[in-house]
Amino acid sequence: MDKKELKEELSQFIYQNRRKIIGALVGLIIGILILTIGFFKTLLLCLTTLLGYYFGMRWRFEEDLKDFILRIIPERFK
């Protein structure tokens, strides 16, 4: 088996098992974070990351952010 065949088989394996590999990497990163910074800080980090992802997917940045800020700011500051 030469390098080209090995590279082709490896890329095909990664493509077929990409969800498993991503899940394993996420689990590894979370495990390392728990060991280094603690459970509750890791939990807070994961929650804020998911919240940021949610808002990032939901907002059309320029228009929605402008409307959101205008709703927060009272009338006298407009």
PDB file of N, CA and C in Angstrom:
ATOM      1  N   MET A   1       0.844  -1.179   0.000  1.00  0.00           N
ATOM      2  CA  MET A   1       0.000   0.000   0.000  1.00  0.00           C
ATOM      3  C   MET A   1       0.890   1.243   0.000  1.00  0.00           C
ATOM      4  N   ASP A   2       0.716   2.066  -0.992  1.00  0.00           N
ATOM      5  CA  ASP A   2       1.534   3.268  -1.071  1.00  0.00           C
ATOM      6  C   ASP A   2       0.831   4.435  -0.357  1.00  0.00           C
ATOM      7  N   LYS A   3       1.505   5.560  -0.341  1.00  0.00           N
ATOM      8  CA  LYS A   3       1.006   6.727   0.390  1.00  0.00           C
ATOM      9  C   LYS A   3      -0.326   7.225  -0.159  1.00  0.00           C
ATOM     10  N   LYS A   4      -0.482   7.183  -1.459  1.00  0.00           N
ATOM     11  CA  LYS A   4      -1.710   7.689  -2.076  1.00  0.00           C
ATOM     12  C   LYS A   4      -2.919   6.846  -1.652  1.00  0.00           C
ATOM     13  N   GLU A   5      -2.769   5.519  -1.669  1.00  0.00           N
ATOM     14  CA  GLU A   5      -3.860   4.637  -1.253  1.00  0.00           C
ATOM     15  C   GLU A   5      -4.176   4.813   0.224  1.00  0.00           C
ATOM     16  N   LEU A   6      -3.130   4.945   1.036  1.00  0.00           N
ATOM     17  CA  LEU A   6      -3.324   5.138   2.466  1.00  0.00           C
ATOM     18  C   LEU A   6      -4.054   6.446   2.742  1.00  0.00           C
ATOM     19  N   LYS A   7      -3.649   7.497   2.046  1.00  0.00           N
ATOM     20  CA  LYS A   7      -4.294   8.797   2.213  1.00  0.00           C
ATOM     21  C   LYS A   7      -5.761   8.716   1.788  1.00  0.00           C
ATOM     22  N   GLU A   8      -6.041   8.038   0.704  1.00  0.00           N
ATOM     23  CA  GLU A   8      -7.414   7.888   0.217  1.00  0.00           C
ATOM     24  C   GLU A   8      -8.272   7.110   1.223  1.00  0.00           C
ATOM     25  N   GLU A   9      -7.753   6.003   1.751  1.00  0.00           N
ATOM     26  CA  GLU A   9      -8.501   5.211   2.733  1.00  0.00           C
ATOM     27  C   GLU A   9      -8.712   5.981   4.026  1.00  0.00           C
ATOM     28  N   LEU A  10      -7.705   6.722   4.464  1.00  0.00           N
ATOM     29  CA  LEU A  10      -7.826   7.511   5.685  1.00  0.00           C
ATOM     30  C   LEU A  10      -8.858   8.621   5.523  1.00  0.00           C
ATOM     31  N   SER A  11      -8.844   9.314   4.390  1.00  0.00           N
ATOM     32  CA  SER A  11      -9.822  10.377   4.174  1.00  0.00           C
ATOM     33  C   SER A  11     -11.234   9.802   4.056  1.00  0.00           C
ATOM     34  N   GLN A  12     -11.370   8.638   3.454  1.00  0.00           N
ATOM     35  CA  GLN A  12     -12.675   7.990   3.363  1.00  0.00           C
ATOM     36  C   GLN A  12     -13.163   7.550   4.744  1.00  0.00           C
ATOM     37  N   PHE A  13     -12.278   7.016   5.578  1.00  0.00           N
ATOM     38  CA  PHE A  13     -12.626   6.619   6.945  1.00  0.00           C
ATOM     39  C   PHE A  13     -13.073   7.821   7.766  1.00  0.00           C
ATOM     40  N   ILE A  14     -12.338   8.920   7.648  1.00  0.00           N
ATOM     41  CA  ILE A  14     -12.686  10.134   8.386  1.00  0.00           C
ATOM     42  C   ILE A  14     -14.034  10.663   7.910  1.00  0.00           C
ATOM     43  N   TYR A  15     -14.286  10.652   6.612  1.00  0.00           N
ATOM     44  CA  TYR A  15     -15.553  11.138   6.086  1.00  0.00           C
ATOM     45  C   TYR A  15     -16.725  10.282   6.572  1.00  0.00           C
ATOM     46  N   GLN A  16     -16.552   8.978   6.588  1.00  0.00           N
ATOM     47  CA  GLN A  16     -17.623   8.077   7.010  1.00  0.00           C
ATOM     48  C   GLN A  16     -17.891   8.159   8.510  1.00  0.00           C
ATOM     49  N   ASN A  17     -16.881   8.499   9.293  1.00  0.00           N
ATOM     50  CA  ASN A  17     -17.015   8.523  10.748  1.00  0.00           C
ATOM     51  C   ASN A  17     -16.834   9.916  11.333  1.00  0.00           C
ATOM     52  N   ARG A  18     -17.145  10.950  10.559  1.00  0.00           N
ATOM     53  CA  ARG A  18     -16.857  12.322  10.999  1.00  0.00           C
ATOM     54  C   ARG A  18     -17.632  12.708  12.258  1.00  0.00           C
ATOM     55  N   ARG A  19     -18.867  12.273  12.401  1.00  0.00           N
ATOM     56  CA  ARG A  19     -19.635  12.618  13.600  1.00  0.00           C
ATOM     57  C   ARG A  19     -19.045  11.959  14.843  1.00  0.00           C
ATOM     58  N   LYS A  20     -18.611  10.735  14.713  1.00  0.00           N
ATOM     59  CA  LYS A  20     -17.984  10.050  15.847  1.00  0.00           C
ATOM     60  C   LYS A  20     -16.680  10.740  16.234  1.00  0.00           C
ATOM     61  N   ILE A  21     -15.910  11.129  15.236  1.00  0.00           N
ATOM     62  CA  ILE A  21     -14.626  11.779  15.492  1.00  0.00           C
ATOM     63  C   ILE A  21     -14.843  13.149  16.130  1.00  0.00           C
ATOM     64  N   ILE A  22     -15.801  13.920  15.628  1.00  0.00           N
ATOM     65  CA  ILE A  22     -16.096  15.230  16.221  1.00  0.00           C
ATOM     66  C   ILE A  22     -16.584  15.066  17.649  1.00  0.00           C
ATOM     67  N   GLY A  23     -17.453  14.095  17.896  1.00  0.00           N
ATOM     68  CA  GLY A  23     -17.935  13.831  19.245  1.00  0.00           C
ATOM     69  C   GLY A  23     -16.816  13.443  20.199  1.00  0.00           C
ATOM     70  N   ALA A  24     -15.891  12.635  19.717  1.00  0.00           N
ATOM     71  CA  ALA A  24     -14.759  12.236  20.547  1.00  0.00           C
ATOM     72  C   ALA A  24     -13.861  13.432  20.862  1.00  0.00           C
ATOM     73  N   LEU A  25     -13.639  14.294  19.879  1.00  0.00           N
ATOM     74  CA  LEU A  25     -12.805  15.477  20.109  1.00  0.00           C
ATOM     75  C   LEU A  25     -13.474  16.453  21.084  1.00  0.00           C
ATOM     76  N   VAL A  26     -14.785  16.639  20.947  1.00  0.00           N
ATOM     77  CA  VAL A  26     -15.512  17.503  21.886  1.00  0.00           C
ATOM     78  C   VAL A  26     -15.432  16.925  23.294  1.00  0.00           C
ATOM     79  N   GLY A  27     -15.612  15.624  23.416  1.00  0.00           N
ATOM     80  CA  GLY A  27     -15.502  14.971  24.719  1.00  0.00           C
ATOM     81  C   GLY A  27     -14.112  15.110  25.320  1.00  0.00           C
ATOM     82  N   LEU A  28     -13.094  14.990  24.497  1.00  0.00           N
ATOM     83  CA  LEU A  28     -11.719  15.156  24.955  1.00  0.00           C
ATOM     84  C   LEU A  28     -11.476  16.576  25.452  1.00  0.00           C
ATOM     85  N   ILE A  29     -11.935  17.555  24.692  1.00  0.00           N
ATOM     86  CA  ILE A  29     -11.743  18.952  25.082  1.00  0.00           C
ATOM     87  C   ILE A  29     -12.482  19.253  26.374  1.00  0.00           C
ATOM     88  N   ILE A  30     -13.722  18.790  26.504  1.00  0.00           N
ATOM     89  CA  ILE A  30     -14.482  19.025  27.741  1.00  0.00           C
ATOM     90  C   ILE A  30     -13.819  18.329  28.919  1.00  0.00           C
ATOM     91  N   GLY A  31     -13.329  17.119  28.709  1.00  0.00           N
ATOM     92  CA  GLY A  31     -12.622  16.414  29.783  1.00  0.00           C
ATOM     93  C   GLY A  31     -11.380  17.158  30.245  1.00  0.00           C
ATOM     94  N   ILE A  32     -10.615  17.666  29.307  1.00  0.00           N
ATOM     95  CA  ILE A  32      -9.414  18.437  29.655  1.00  0.00           C
ATOM     96  C   ILE A  32      -9.795  19.713  30.402  1.00  0.00           C
ATOM     97  N   LEU A  33     -10.864  20.384  29.953  1.00  0.00           N
ATOM     98  CA  LEU A  33     -11.316  21.593  30.637  1.00  0.00           C
ATOM     99  C   LEU A  33     -11.773  21.294  32.063  1.00  0.00           C
ATOM    100  N   ILE A  34     -12.494  20.205  32.256  1.00  0.00           N
ATOM    101  CA  ILE A  34     -12.946  19.834  33.607  1.00  0.00           C
ATOM    102  C   ILE A  34     -11.748  19.583  34.507  1.00  0.00           C
ATOM    103  N   LEU A  35     -10.748  18.902  33.995  1.00  0.00           N
ATOM    104  CA  LEU A  35      -9.571  18.605  34.817  1.00  0.00           C
ATOM    105  C   LEU A  35      -8.741  19.853  35.128  1.00  0.00           C
ATOM    106  N   THR A  36      -8.716  20.812  34.205  1.00  0.00           N
ATOM    107  CA  THR A  36      -7.848  21.967  34.416  1.00  0.00           C
ATOM    108  C   THR A  36      -8.547  23.123  35.124  1.00  0.00           C
ATOM    109  N   ILE A  37      -9.808  23.439  34.745  1.00  0.00           N
ATOM    110  CA  ILE A  37     -10.448  24.606  35.357  1.00  0.00           C
ATOM    111  C   ILE A  37     -11.619  24.252  36.263  1.00  0.00           C
ATOM    112  N   GLY A  38     -12.044  23.012  36.285  1.00  0.00           N
ATOM    113  CA  GLY A  38     -13.117  22.601  37.178  1.00  0.00           C
ATOM    114  C   GLY A  38     -14.441  22.420  36.445  1.00  0.00           C
ATOM    115  N   PHE A  39     -15.348  21.721  37.127  1.00  0.00           N
ATOM    116  CA  PHE A  39     -16.625  21.345  36.522  1.00  0.00           C
ATOM    117  C   PHE A  39     -17.521  22.549  36.249  1.00  0.00           C
ATOM    118  N   PHE A  40     -17.735  23.395  37.252  1.00  0.00           N
ATOM    119  CA  PHE A  40     -18.696  24.487  37.105  1.00  0.00           C
ATOM    120  C   PHE A  40     -18.209  25.564  36.133  1.00  0.00           C
ATOM    121  N   LYS A  41     -16.921  25.832  36.111  1.00  0.00           N
ATOM    122  CA  LYS A  41     -16.392  26.783  35.126  1.00  0.00           C
ATOM    123  C   LYS A  41     -16.512  26.221  33.717  1.00  0.00           C
ATOM    124  N   THR A  42     -16.293  24.927  33.569  1.00  0.00           N
ATOM    125  CA  THR A  42     -16.452  24.289  32.270  1.00  0.00           C
ATOM    126  C   THR A  42     -17.912  24.311  31.842  1.00  0.00           C
ATOM    127  N   LEU A  43     -18.806  24.056  32.779  1.00  0.00           N
ATOM    128  CA  LEU A  43     -20.233  24.096  32.479  1.00  0.00           C
ATOM    129  C   LEU A  43     -20.649  25.498  32.040  1.00  0.00           C
ATOM    130  N   LEU A  44     -20.174  26.515  32.744  1.00  0.00           N
ATOM    131  CA  LEU A  44     -20.471  27.893  32.370  1.00  0.00           C
ATOM    132  C   LEU A  44     -19.910  28.224  30.983  1.00  0.00           C
ATOM    133  N   LEU A  45     -18.702  27.777  30.707  1.00  0.00           N
ATOM    134  CA  LEU A  45     -18.084  28.000  29.401  1.00  0.00           C
ATOM    135  C   LEU A  45     -18.897  27.340  28.290  1.00  0.00           C
ATOM    136  N   CYS A  46     -19.336  26.121  28.511  1.00  0.00           N
ATOM    137  CA  CYS A  46     -20.146  25.420  27.503  1.00  0.00           C
ATOM    138  C   CYS A  46     -21.491  26.106  27.302  1.00  0.00           C
ATOM    139  N   LEU A  47     -22.128  26.537  28.378  1.00  0.00           N
ATOM    140  CA  LEU A  47     -23.419  27.208  28.264  1.00  0.00           C
ATOM    141  C   LEU A  47     -23.301  28.535  27.528  1.00  0.00           C
ATOM    142  N   THR A  48     -22.276  29.318  27.842  1.00  0.00           N
ATOM    143  CA  THR A  48     -22.114  30.599  27.156  1.00  0.00           C
ATOM    144  C   THR A  48     -21.738  30.397  25.688  1.00  0.00           C
ATOM    145  N   THR A  49     -20.995  29.357  25.387  1.00  0.00           N
ATOM    146  CA  THR A  49     -20.659  29.049  24.000  1.00  0.00           C
ATOM    147  C   THR A  49     -21.907  28.668  23.220  1.00  0.00           C
ATOM    148  N   LEU A  50     -22.752  27.814  23.804  1.00  0.00           N
ATOM    149  CA  LEU A  50     -23.997  27.427  23.141  1.00  0.00           C
ATOM    150  C   LEU A  50     -24.938  28.615  22.977  1.00  0.00           C
ATOM    151  N   LEU A  51     -24.990  29.484  23.982  1.00  0.00           N
ATOM    152  CA  LEU A  51     -25.815  30.683  23.898  1.00  0.00           C
ATOM    153  C   LEU A  51     -25.317  31.604  22.778  1.00  0.00           C
ATOM    154  N   GLY A  52     -24.016  31.790  22.693  1.00  0.00           N
ATOM    155  CA  GLY A  52     -23.444  32.587  21.619  1.00  0.00           C
ATOM    156  C   GLY A  52     -23.702  31.986  20.253  1.00  0.00           C
ATOM    157  N   TYR A  53     -23.622  30.684  20.150  1.00  0.00           N
ATOM    158  CA  TYR A  53     -23.918  30.005  18.889  1.00  0.00           C
ATOM    159  C   TYR A  53     -25.377  30.210  18.503  1.00  0.00           C
ATOM    160  N   TYR A  54     -26.279  30.089  19.480  1.00  0.00           N
ATOM    161  CA  TYR A  54     -27.705  30.268  19.233  1.00  0.00           C
ATOM    162  C   TYR A  54     -27.993  31.671  18.709  1.00  0.00           C
ATOM    163  N   PHE A  55     -27.472  32.681  19.405  1.00  0.00           N
ATOM    164  CA  PHE A  55     -27.712  34.051  18.973  1.00  0.00           C
ATOM    165  C   PHE A  55     -27.037  34.338  17.635  1.00  0.00           C
ATOM    166  N   GLY A  56     -25.892  33.762  17.402  1.00  0.00           N
ATOM    167  CA  GLY A  56     -25.212  33.947  16.134  1.00  0.00           C
ATOM    168  C   GLY A  56     -25.983  33.360  14.966  1.00  0.00           C
ATOM    169  N   MET A  57     -26.646  32.231  15.183  1.00  0.00           N
ATOM    170  CA  MET A  57     -27.452  31.618  14.134  1.00  0.00           C
ATOM    171  C   MET A  57     -28.775  32.352  13.951  1.00  0.00           C
ATOM    172  N   ARG A  58     -29.281  32.943  14.998  1.00  0.00           N
ATOM    173  CA  ARG A  58     -30.608  33.554  14.969  1.00  0.00           C
ATOM    174  C   ARG A  58     -30.590  34.958  14.378  1.00  0.00           C
ATOM    175  N   TRP A  59     -29.585  35.719  14.654  1.00  0.00           N
ATOM    176  CA  TRP A  59     -29.558  37.124  14.258  1.00  0.00           C
ATOM    177  C   TRP A  59     -28.968  37.300  12.876  1.00  0.00           C
ATOM    178  N   ARG A  60     -29.611  38.140  12.103  1.00  0.00           N
ATOM    179  CA  ARG A  60     -28.970  38.708  10.933  1.00  0.00           C
ATOM    180  C   ARG A  60     -28.256  39.915  11.513  1.00  0.00           C
ATOM    181  N   PHE A  61     -26.987  39.875  11.609  1.00  0.00           N
ATOM    182  CA  PHE A  61     -26.203  40.703  12.523  1.00  0.00           C
ATOM    183  C   PHE A  61     -26.532  42.185  12.450  1.00  0.00           C
ATOM    184  N   GLU A  62     -26.487  42.773  11.299  1.00  0.00           N
ATOM    185  CA  GLU A  62     -26.614  44.230  11.222  1.00  0.00           C
ATOM    186  C   GLU A  62     -28.024  44.699  11.553  1.00  0.00           C
ATOM    187  N   GLU A  63     -29.039  44.129  10.928  1.00  0.00           N
ATOM    188  CA  GLU A  63     -30.401  44.593  11.131  1.00  0.00           C
ATOM    189  C   GLU A  63     -30.948  44.203  12.498  1.00  0.00           C
ATOM    190  N   ASP A  64     -30.836  42.941  12.854  1.00  0.00           N
ATOM    191  CA  ASP A  64     -31.416  42.476  14.105  1.00  0.00           C
ATOM    192  C   ASP A  64     -30.709  43.063  15.315  1.00  0.00           C
ATOM    193  N   LEU A  65     -29.406  43.206  15.260  1.00  0.00           N
ATOM    194  CA  LEU A  65     -28.678  43.771  16.387  1.00  0.00           C
ATOM    195  C   LEU A  65     -29.077  45.223  16.598  1.00  0.00           C
ATOM    196  N   LYS A  66     -29.251  45.960  15.499  1.00  0.00           N
ATOM    197  CA  LYS A  66     -29.672  47.355  15.599  1.00  0.00           C
ATOM    198  C   LYS A  66     -31.066  47.441  16.238  1.00  0.00           C
ATOM    199  N   ASP A  67     -31.997  46.581  15.815  1.00  0.00           N
ATOM    200  CA  ASP A  67     -33.339  46.575  16.397  1.00  0.00           C
ATOM    201  C   ASP A  67     -33.295  46.184  17.873  1.00  0.00           C
ATOM    202  N   PHE A  68     -32.463  45.213  18.220  1.00  0.00           N
ATOM    203  CA  PHE A  68     -32.335  44.770  19.608  1.00  0.00           C
ATOM    204  C   PHE A  68     -31.812  45.897  20.493  1.00  0.00           C
ATOM    205  N   ILE A  69     -30.805  46.600  20.029  1.00  0.00           N
ATOM    206  CA  ILE A  69     -30.230  47.708  20.811  1.00  0.00           C
ATOM    207  C   ILE A  69     -31.246  48.828  20.961  1.00  0.00           C
ATOM    208  N   LEU A  70     -31.998  49.126  19.895  1.00  0.00           N
ATOM    209  CA  LEU A  70     -33.008  50.179  19.977  1.00  0.00           C
ATOM    210  C   LEU A  70     -34.141  49.815  20.938  1.00  0.00           C
ATOM    211  N   ARG A  71     -34.440  48.534  21.089  1.00  0.00           N
ATOM    212  CA  ARG A  71     -35.456  48.114  22.065  1.00  0.00           C
ATOM    213  C   ARG A  71     -34.940  48.260  23.491  1.00  0.00           C
ATOM    214  N   ILE A  72     -33.645  48.060  23.706  1.00  0.00           N
ATOM    215  CA  ILE A  72     -33.072  48.130  25.047  1.00  0.00           C
ATOM    216  C   ILE A  72     -32.914  49.579  25.498  1.00  0.00           C
ATOM    217  N   ILE A  73     -32.468  50.425  24.581  1.00  0.00           N
ATOM    218  CA  ILE A  73     -32.199  51.821  24.926  1.00  0.00           C
ATOM    219  C   ILE A  73     -33.527  52.559  25.093  1.00  0.00           C
ATOM    220  N   PRO A  74     -33.707  53.268  26.194  1.00  0.00           N
ATOM    221  CA  PRO A  74     -34.946  54.037  26.383  1.00  0.00           C
ATOM    222  C   PRO A  74     -35.103  55.131  25.322  1.00  0.00           C
ATOM    223  N   GLU A  75     -36.305  55.605  25.171  1.00  0.00           N
ATOM    224  CA  GLU A  75     -36.639  56.589  24.140  1.00  0.00           C
ATOM    225  C   GLU A  75     -35.782  57.855  24.225  1.00  0.00           C
ATOM    226  N   ARG A  76     -35.421  58.294  25.410  1.00  0.00           N
ATOM    227  CA  ARG A  76     -34.715  59.568  25.550  1.00  0.00           C
ATOM    228  C   ARG A  76     -33.292  59.528  25.013  1.00  0.00           C
ATOM    229  N   PHE A  77     -32.734  58.331  24.792  1.00  0.00           N
ATOM    230  CA  PHE A  77     -31.368  58.216  24.279  1.00  0.00           C
ATOM    231  C   PHE A  77     -31.309  58.042  22.766  1.00  0.00           C
ATOM    232  N   LYS A  78     -32.451  57.991  22.099  1.00  0.00           N
ATOM    233  CA  LYS A  78     -32.444  57.776  20.635  1.00  0.00           C
ATOM    234  C   LYS A  78     -31.966  58.984  19.900  1.00  0.00           C
TER     235      LYS A  78
END
